[in-house]
Amino acid sequence: MKSKGAKRKNDYSKLKRKVFLQISLITVTAAVTVYLLREILRGQFGDLIVQFLVNAFHFNYSDALTIYQLVIRNNMDMILFVVSLIFLVTLFGFFVSWFTKYFDEISAGMDKLAEEYNAEIILAPELDFMENKLNQMKNNLGKQKKAALEAEQRKNDLVVYLAHDIKTPLTSVIGYLSLLDEAPDMPPEQKAKYVGITLEKAYRLEQLIDEFFEITRFNLQTIVLNKEKINLQFMLQQMADEFYPMLTPKGKQVSVNVPDGLTLWGDADKLARVFNNILKNALAYSYENSVIDISAKQQDKNIVITFTNQGNPIPREKLETIFEKFFRLDTSRSANTGGAGLGLAIAKEIVNAHGGNIFVQSNTEKTVFTVVLPQKQEKDKLSA
């Protein structure tokens, strides 16, 4: 059943009423005209015709009357038909011209959709439903264009950030290599220190170059899932172990709380990338000497995985945009922890491809990323 709002959107009643009145007016006018013409030709106008024949052609009255009866009165129906047809065609032409002005207004309104300025589209009162639709389309197009420009600007800003980030470790690599080259007799301890720093900066440089490729790959790649049965506890524990070297220097820990035997159906490689990106984000923005909790449980037909960390809260206005492409919560941290702003956006794409959902909640006490995934697809259940 259609809602009242939908009915108002497609309310043709005003236009129907206007068209009905116009057609009724044409019909009544035509009928009155035919009636009057018949009475005129039969009445005094007939006498005027006879008198005109007598005066103009010098017929006697009886001959003129005979001519009038043979030519006009006996062919009254045919004359009225021809006159009525001409009259109706003329009126119909006026009606068509009047009606097509609505198409001209709609066409002009559609032209305004492509215009840059935000002038409101105004049509005739009978087309208010169409006016509302065109203005809504114009507003939507304006919002989409604004969003596209903002996304493009974020992407351009990110390229600038990455270019700067690449230059910083590259400068360090060149500087320390130059020192090593200029001082071949450098003490072993100092040499080892410089080599370690150079290697660290080289790894950072490699990471940033990978992120450049990630931008292109994210825009062009179509996600194809290769699903299999996943032991969730094993996957999350293995991932936590891999992060141990990055956690230890700042006294951070990861606690994995997943029931034994909890499984789900999905693409293991891509879901590992989702969890990796979330954990990497939690690691970057959590307090020192804090614990990052990873928990999972079955809820109805879904598996719910949460990543909880203690850190500065995410501003409310940024909770929605944190999953957008090229969004980075804190651009000032790009040299150490900031990435291309793609990790969470890619995570969302992968989760959506699995038919799941991902969202974040944040307050002064904790930040919680939640991933909801279907444990099995319906077709999988049928074949199980």
Protein backbone atom coordinates (compact mmCIF):
# COMPACT_ATOMS: atom_id res chain seq x y z
CA MET A 1 0.00 0.00 0.00
CA LYS A 2 1.39 3.39 -0.97
CA SER A 3 2.02 5.98 1.67
CA LYS A 4 0.44 9.42 1.68
CA GLY A 5 3.81 10.93 0.82
CA ALA A 6 4.04 8.75 -2.30
CA LYS A 7 0.54 9.78 -3.34
CA ARG A 8 1.43 13.45 -3.02
CA LYS A 9 4.55 12.89 -5.09
CA ASN A 10 2.50 11.57 -8.02
CA ASP A 11 -0.60 13.73 -7.61
CA TYR A 12 -1.89 14.33 -11.13
CA SER A 13 -5.28 15.60 -9.92
CA LYS A 14 -4.57 19.27 -10.65
CA LEU A 15 -3.34 18.52 -14.14
CA LYS A 16 -6.26 16.14 -14.82
CA ARG A 17 -8.74 18.74 -13.61
CA LYS A 18 -7.21 21.45 -15.79
CA VAL A 19 -7.19 19.22 -18.89
CA PHE A 20 -10.77 18.10 -18.22
CA LEU A 21 -11.93 21.70 -17.93
CA GLN A 22 -10.17 22.66 -21.16
CA ILE A 23 -11.68 19.75 -23.11
CA SER A 24 -15.13 20.44 -21.63
CA LEU A 25 -14.83 24.09 -22.62
CA ILE A 26 -13.88 23.13 -26.19
CA THR A 27 -16.79 20.66 -26.42
CA VAL A 28 -19.37 23.09 -25.07
CA THR A 29 -18.05 25.91 -27.28
CA ALA A 30 -18.21 23.69 -30.35
CA ALA A 31 -21.78 22.53 -29.55
CA VAL A 32 -22.99 26.09 -28.93
CA THR A 33 -21.32 27.31 -32.10
CA VAL A 34 -22.94 24.57 -34.23
CA TYR A 35 -26.34 25.30 -32.71
CA LEU A 36 -26.05 29.05 -33.29
CA LEU A 37 -24.79 28.53 -36.82
CA ARG A 38 -27.73 26.27 -37.63
CA GLU A 39 -30.20 28.84 -36.26
CA ILE A 40 -28.45 31.65 -38.10
CA LEU A 41 -28.47 29.86 -41.44
CA ARG A 42 -32.15 29.00 -41.00
CA GLY A 43 -33.25 32.38 -39.71
CA GLN A 44 -32.56 35.95 -40.71
CA PHE A 45 -29.17 35.11 -42.08
CA GLY A 46 -30.91 33.00 -44.75
CA ASP A 47 -33.02 36.00 -45.72
CA LEU A 48 -29.85 38.09 -45.97
CA ILE A 49 -28.36 35.53 -48.36
CA VAL A 50 -31.46 35.61 -50.58
CA GLN A 51 -31.44 39.41 -50.55
CA PHE A 52 -27.70 39.40 -51.38
CA LEU A 53 -28.39 37.20 -54.47
CA VAL A 54 -31.15 39.52 -55.62
CA ASN A 55 -29.03 42.67 -55.24
CA ALA A 56 -25.71 41.33 -56.46
CA PHE A 57 -26.78 39.10 -59.33
CA HIS A 58 -30.18 40.68 -60.14
CA PHE A 59 -32.08 37.45 -59.59
CA ASN A 60 -35.75 37.73 -58.87
CA TYR A 61 -36.74 36.79 -55.36
CA SER A 62 -38.14 33.33 -56.22
CA ASP A 63 -35.00 32.33 -58.12
CA ALA A 64 -32.75 33.57 -55.32
CA LEU A 65 -34.81 31.66 -52.75
CA THR A 66 -34.57 28.50 -54.87
CA ILE A 67 -30.80 28.86 -55.14
CA TYR A 68 -30.56 29.36 -51.33
CA GLN A 69 -32.62 26.25 -50.69
CA LEU A 70 -30.70 24.08 -53.18
CA VAL A 71 -27.21 25.24 -52.25
CA ILE A 72 -27.42 26.03 -48.55
CA ARG A 73 -30.58 24.83 -46.84
CA ASN A 74 -30.60 21.36 -48.45
CA ASN A 75 -26.87 20.94 -47.61
CA MET A 76 -27.18 22.36 -44.12
CA ASP A 77 -25.78 19.25 -42.41
CA MET A 78 -22.71 19.12 -44.66
CA ILE A 79 -22.04 22.85 -44.20
CA LEU A 80 -22.40 22.55 -40.44
CA PHE A 81 -20.09 19.51 -40.43
CA VAL A 82 -17.36 21.32 -42.39
CA VAL A 83 -17.65 24.46 -40.29
CA SER A 84 -17.68 22.44 -37.06
CA LEU A 85 -14.63 20.43 -38.20
CA ILE A 86 -12.67 23.60 -38.98
CA PHE A 87 -13.71 25.10 -35.65
CA LEU A 88 -12.76 21.97 -33.71
CA VAL A 89 -9.39 21.65 -35.44
CA THR A 90 -8.67 25.29 -34.61
CA LEU A 91 -9.65 24.82 -30.97
CA PHE A 92 -7.69 21.58 -30.76
CA GLY A 93 -4.63 23.40 -32.10
CA PHE A 94 -4.96 25.96 -29.32
CA PHE A 95 -5.42 23.13 -26.80
CA VAL A 96 -2.27 21.32 -28.01
CA SER A 97 -0.27 24.56 -27.82
CA TRP A 98 -1.55 25.15 -24.30
CA PHE A 99 -0.78 21.58 -23.20
CA THR A 100 2.72 21.42 -24.70
CA LYS A 101 3.78 24.40 -22.61
CA TYR A 102 3.96 21.93 -19.70
CA PHE A 103 6.56 19.92 -21.62
CA ASP A 104 8.49 23.14 -22.26
CA GLU A 105 8.44 23.88 -18.52
CA ILE A 106 9.59 20.36 -17.65
CA SER A 107 12.35 20.57 -20.26
CA ALA A 108 13.49 23.92 -18.86
CA GLY A 109 13.43 22.44 -15.36
CA MET A 110 15.57 19.49 -16.47
CA ASP A 111 18.05 21.91 -18.03
CA LYS A 112 18.39 23.57 -14.63
CA LEU A 113 19.48 20.25 -13.15
CA ALA A 114 22.85 20.67 -14.85
CA GLU A 115 23.27 24.31 -13.88
CA GLU A 116 25.87 25.22 -11.28
CA TYR A 117 23.87 27.72 -9.25
CA ASN A 118 21.25 26.53 -6.78
CA ALA A 119 18.23 28.24 -8.31
CA GLU A 120 14.99 26.53 -7.41
CA ILE A 121 13.04 24.92 -10.25
CA ILE A 122 9.55 26.43 -10.51
CA LEU A 123 6.82 24.91 -12.70
CA ALA A 124 3.11 25.58 -13.17
CA PRO A 125 0.89 24.79 -10.14
CA GLU A 126 -0.54 21.79 -12.02
CA LEU A 127 2.97 20.28 -12.11
CA ASP A 128 3.86 20.77 -8.45
CA PHE A 129 4.53 17.02 -8.06
CA MET A 130 7.04 17.18 -10.92
CA GLU A 131 8.52 20.38 -9.50
CA ASN A 132 9.15 18.62 -6.18
CA LYS A 133 10.83 15.67 -7.91
CA LEU A 134 13.09 17.86 -10.04
CA ASN A 135 14.13 19.96 -7.04
CA GLN A 136 14.83 16.79 -5.06
CA MET A 137 16.94 15.45 -7.93
CA LYS A 138 18.82 18.76 -8.12
CA ASN A 139 19.52 18.66 -4.38
CA ASN A 140 20.68 15.03 -4.58
CA LEU A 141 22.96 15.79 -7.53
CA GLY A 142 24.37 18.74 -5.64
CA LYS A 143 25.08 16.57 -2.60
CA GLN A 144 26.68 13.86 -4.74
CA LYS A 145 28.87 16.40 -6.50
CA LYS A 146 29.91 17.91 -3.18
CA ALA A 147 30.71 14.47 -1.77
CA ALA A 148 32.73 13.59 -4.89
CA LEU A 149 34.71 16.83 -4.64
CA GLU A 150 35.36 16.25 -0.95
CA ALA A 151 36.51 12.68 -1.62
CA GLU A 152 38.78 13.89 -4.40
CA GLN A 153 40.19 16.58 -2.11
CA ARG A 154 40.83 14.01 0.64
CA LYS A 155 42.59 11.81 -1.89
CA ASN A 156 44.73 14.71 -3.12
CA ASP A 157 45.57 15.69 0.46
CA LEU A 158 46.52 12.11 1.20
CA VAL A 159 48.87 11.95 -1.79
CA VAL A 160 50.55 15.10 -0.47
CA TYR A 161 50.87 13.53 2.98
CA LEU A 162 52.29 10.32 1.57
CA ALA A 163 54.71 12.19 -0.67
CA HIS A 164 55.94 14.08 2.39
CA ASP A 165 56.10 10.86 4.41
CA ILE A 166 58.14 9.16 1.71
CA LYS A 167 60.57 12.03 1.54
CA THR A 168 61.22 11.92 5.31
CA PRO A 169 62.51 8.31 5.60
CA LEU A 170 64.24 8.58 2.24
CA THR A 171 66.19 11.59 3.50
CA SER A 172 67.15 9.63 6.62
CA VAL A 173 68.26 6.61 4.56
CA ILE A 174 70.43 8.78 2.34
CA GLY A 175 71.83 10.69 5.33
CA TYR A 176 72.86 7.61 7.36
CA LEU A 177 74.22 5.81 4.29
CA SER A 178 76.30 8.91 3.53
CA LEU A 179 77.69 8.87 7.07
CA LEU A 180 78.57 5.18 6.73
CA ASP A 181 80.21 5.82 3.37
CA GLU A 182 82.23 8.80 4.60
CA ALA A 183 83.47 7.09 7.79
CA PRO A 184 84.61 3.55 6.95
CA ASP A 185 86.52 3.37 10.27
CA MET A 186 83.39 4.10 12.33
CA PRO A 187 83.20 2.15 15.63
CA PRO A 188 81.20 -1.09 15.29
CA GLU A 189 78.62 -0.02 17.88
CA GLN A 190 77.91 3.26 16.13
CA LYS A 191 77.93 1.57 12.74
CA ALA A 192 75.39 -1.03 13.94
CA LYS A 193 73.20 1.76 15.30
CA TYR A 194 73.24 3.63 11.98
CA VAL A 195 72.58 0.46 10.01
CA GLY A 196 69.59 -0.33 12.28
CA ILE A 197 68.12 3.13 11.84
CA THR A 198 68.65 2.97 8.08
CA LEU A 199 66.94 -0.43 7.89
CA GLU A 200 64.00 0.84 9.97
CA LYS A 201 63.56 3.85 7.68
CA ALA A 202 63.86 1.62 4.61
CA TYR A 203 61.06 -0.60 5.95
CA ARG A 204 58.93 2.49 6.55
CA LEU A 205 59.64 3.65 3.00
CA GLU A 206 58.57 0.25 1.67
CA GLN A 207 55.34 0.46 3.66
CA LEU A 208 54.49 3.89 2.25
CA ILE A 209 55.19 2.74 -1.32
CA ASP A 210 52.88 -0.23 -0.72
CA GLU A 211 50.21 2.21 0.40
CA PHE A 212 50.50 4.10 -2.89
CA PHE A 213 49.81 0.84 -4.72
CA GLU A 214 46.98 0.16 -2.27
CA ILE A 215 45.20 3.34 -3.36
CA THR A 216 45.13 2.21 -6.98
CA ARG A 217 44.27 -1.38 -6.14
CA PHE A 218 41.39 -0.32 -3.88
CA ASN A 219 39.84 1.79 -6.65
CA LEU A 220 40.11 -0.90 -9.33
CA GLN A 221 39.75 -4.17 -7.47
CA THR A 222 36.52 -6.15 -7.43
CA ILE A 223 36.24 -8.25 -4.30
CA VAL A 224 35.95 -11.95 -5.12
CA LEU A 225 35.37 -14.23 -2.13
CA ASN A 226 36.80 -17.75 -1.80
CA LYS A 227 34.83 -19.04 1.15
CA GLU A 228 35.80 -21.82 3.49
CA LYS A 229 35.23 -22.91 7.07
CA ILE A 230 37.26 -20.73 9.46
CA ASN A 231 38.36 -21.56 13.01
CA LEU A 232 37.89 -18.09 14.45
CA GLN A 233 39.83 -18.62 17.67
CA PHE A 234 42.88 -19.93 15.82
CA MET A 235 42.80 -17.04 13.30
CA LEU A 236 42.50 -14.28 15.92
CA GLN A 237 45.10 -15.80 18.26
CA GLN A 238 47.57 -16.23 15.42
CA MET A 239 47.05 -12.61 14.40
CA ALA A 240 47.57 -11.42 17.98
CA ASP A 241 50.85 -13.36 18.16
CA GLU A 242 52.05 -11.70 14.96
CA PHE A 243 51.52 -8.27 16.56
CA TYR A 244 53.61 -9.15 19.63
CA PRO A 245 56.80 -7.39 18.43
CA MET A 246 54.84 -4.17 17.86
CA LEU A 247 53.02 -4.38 21.20
CA THR A 248 55.92 -5.07 23.53
CA PRO A 249 57.92 -1.78 23.17
CA LYS A 250 54.96 0.22 24.53
CA GLY A 251 53.83 -2.31 27.11
CA LYS A 252 50.65 -3.16 25.26
CA GLN A 253 48.94 -6.56 25.22
CA VAL A 254 46.24 -8.33 23.24
CA SER A 255 43.72 -10.55 25.02
CA VAL A 256 41.79 -13.00 22.80
CA ASN A 257 38.51 -14.29 24.23
CA VAL A 258 36.86 -16.63 21.74
CA PRO A 259 34.93 -19.82 22.60
CA ASP A 260 36.53 -23.08 21.46
CA GLY A 261 35.14 -24.41 18.22
CA LEU A 262 33.53 -21.14 17.09
CA THR A 263 33.58 -21.17 13.29
CA LEU A 264 32.21 -19.12 10.45
CA TRP A 265 32.01 -19.41 6.68
CA GLY A 266 34.03 -16.82 4.74
CA ASP A 267 37.16 -15.85 2.88
CA ALA A 268 39.95 -16.46 5.40
CA ASP A 269 42.55 -14.23 3.71
CA LYS A 270 40.23 -11.26 3.33
CA LEU A 271 38.72 -11.53 6.81
CA ALA A 272 42.24 -11.76 8.24
CA ARG A 273 42.91 -8.49 6.47
CA VAL A 274 39.80 -6.98 8.10
CA PHE A 275 40.87 -8.03 11.60
CA ASN A 276 44.46 -7.00 10.90
CA ASN A 277 43.39 -3.50 9.86
CA ILE A 278 41.18 -3.06 12.93
CA LEU A 279 43.86 -4.33 15.30
CA LYS A 280 46.46 -2.11 13.64
CA ASN A 281 44.17 0.88 14.21
CA ALA A 282 43.60 -0.12 17.85
CA LEU A 283 47.35 -0.50 18.35
CA ALA A 284 48.07 2.93 16.85
CA TYR A 285 45.54 4.84 18.97
CA SER A 286 45.51 2.97 22.31
CA TYR A 287 47.25 4.13 25.47
CA GLU A 288 50.62 2.72 26.49
CA ASN A 289 50.54 -0.20 28.94
CA SER A 290 46.93 -0.97 28.01
CA VAL A 291 45.17 -4.17 26.92
CA ILE A 292 43.42 -4.57 23.57
CA ASP A 293 40.56 -7.04 23.97
CA ILE A 294 39.41 -9.21 21.05
CA SER A 295 36.19 -11.11 21.77
CA ALA A 296 33.80 -13.16 19.66
CA LYS A 297 30.47 -14.84 20.28
CA GLN A 298 27.55 -16.31 18.41
CA GLN A 299 24.41 -14.18 18.42
CA ASP A 300 21.38 -15.70 16.70
CA LYS A 301 22.59 -16.58 13.19
CA ASN A 302 25.57 -14.23 13.30
CA ILE A 303 29.09 -14.15 14.69
CA VAL A 304 29.90 -10.89 16.53
CA ILE A 305 33.58 -9.96 16.87
CA THR A 306 34.61 -6.93 18.96
CA PHE A 307 37.95 -5.11 19.25
CA THR A 308 38.10 -2.96 22.40
CA ASN A 309 40.91 -0.60 23.32
CA GLN A 310 41.46 2.24 25.78
CA GLY A 311 42.53 5.46 24.10
CA ASN A 312 41.45 8.96 23.22
CA PRO A 313 37.80 8.86 22.07
CA ILE A 314 36.94 9.29 18.41
CA PRO A 315 34.98 12.57 17.94
CA ARG A 316 31.27 11.94 17.37
CA GLU A 317 31.25 13.74 14.03
CA LYS A 318 33.98 11.43 12.71
CA LEU A 319 32.38 8.13 13.69
CA GLU A 320 30.49 7.99 10.37
CA THR A 321 33.37 9.05 8.12
CA ILE A 322 36.00 6.80 9.68
CA PHE A 323 35.09 4.02 7.21
CA GLU A 324 35.32 6.27 4.14
CA LYS A 325 38.11 5.97 1.60
CA PHE A 326 41.18 8.09 2.31
CA PHE A 327 39.95 9.11 5.76
CA ARG A 328 42.63 9.36 8.43
CA LEU A 329 41.64 10.21 11.98
CA ASP A 330 44.81 12.11 12.81
CA THR A 331 46.92 13.31 9.89
CA SER A 332 49.56 14.66 12.24
CA ARG A 333 50.55 11.09 13.13
CA SER A 334 51.28 10.09 9.54
CA ALA A 335 55.01 9.83 10.05
CA ASN A 336 54.68 7.07 12.64
CA THR A 337 51.24 5.43 12.67
CA GLY A 338 49.22 6.97 9.88
CA GLY A 339 48.47 4.95 6.78
CA ALA A 340 46.75 5.72 3.56
CA GLY A 341 43.40 5.95 5.28
CA LEU A 342 42.31 2.82 3.43
CA GLY A 343 42.51 0.15 6.12
CA LEU A 344 39.06 0.64 7.63
CA ALA A 345 37.47 1.46 4.27
CA ILE A 346 38.79 -1.81 2.82
CA ALA A 347 37.61 -3.64 5.96
CA LYS A 348 34.11 -2.30 5.42
CA GLU A 349 34.09 -3.37 1.76
CA ILE A 350 35.15 -6.91 2.66
CA VAL A 351 32.62 -7.20 5.50
CA ASN A 352 29.83 -5.91 3.25
CA ALA A 353 30.82 -8.45 0.58
CA HIS A 354 30.29 -11.16 3.22
CA GLY A 355 26.79 -9.82 3.93
CA GLY A 356 27.87 -8.43 7.30
CA ASN A 357 28.23 -5.08 8.99
CA ILE A 358 30.98 -3.11 10.73
CA PHE A 359 30.60 -0.13 13.05
CA VAL A 360 32.41 1.70 15.84
CA GLN A 361 31.43 3.14 19.22
CA SER A 362 33.67 5.45 21.20
CA ASN A 363 33.59 7.28 24.53
CA THR A 364 36.05 8.52 27.13
CA GLU A 365 36.49 5.01 28.54
CA LYS A 366 36.95 2.87 25.45
CA THR A 367 36.63 2.50 21.69
CA VAL A 368 34.90 -0.61 20.35
CA PHE A 369 34.99 -1.80 16.73
CA THR A 370 32.28 -4.39 16.07
CA VAL A 371 32.16 -6.78 13.11
CA VAL A 372 28.94 -8.75 12.54
CA LEU A 373 29.20 -11.66 10.08
CA PRO A 374 26.67 -14.34 9.14
CA GLN A 375 27.86 -17.70 10.47
CA LYS A 376 26.55 -19.45 7.36
CA GLN A 377 24.72 -18.51 4.21
CA GLU A 378 21.25 -19.94 3.66
CA LYS A 379 22.42 -22.04 0.73
CA ASP A 380 25.23 -23.39 2.90
CA LYS A 381 22.72 -24.47 5.53
CA LEU A 382 20.65 -26.29 2.94
CA SER A 383 23.66 -28.22 1.68
CA ALA A 384 25.03 -28.92 5.17
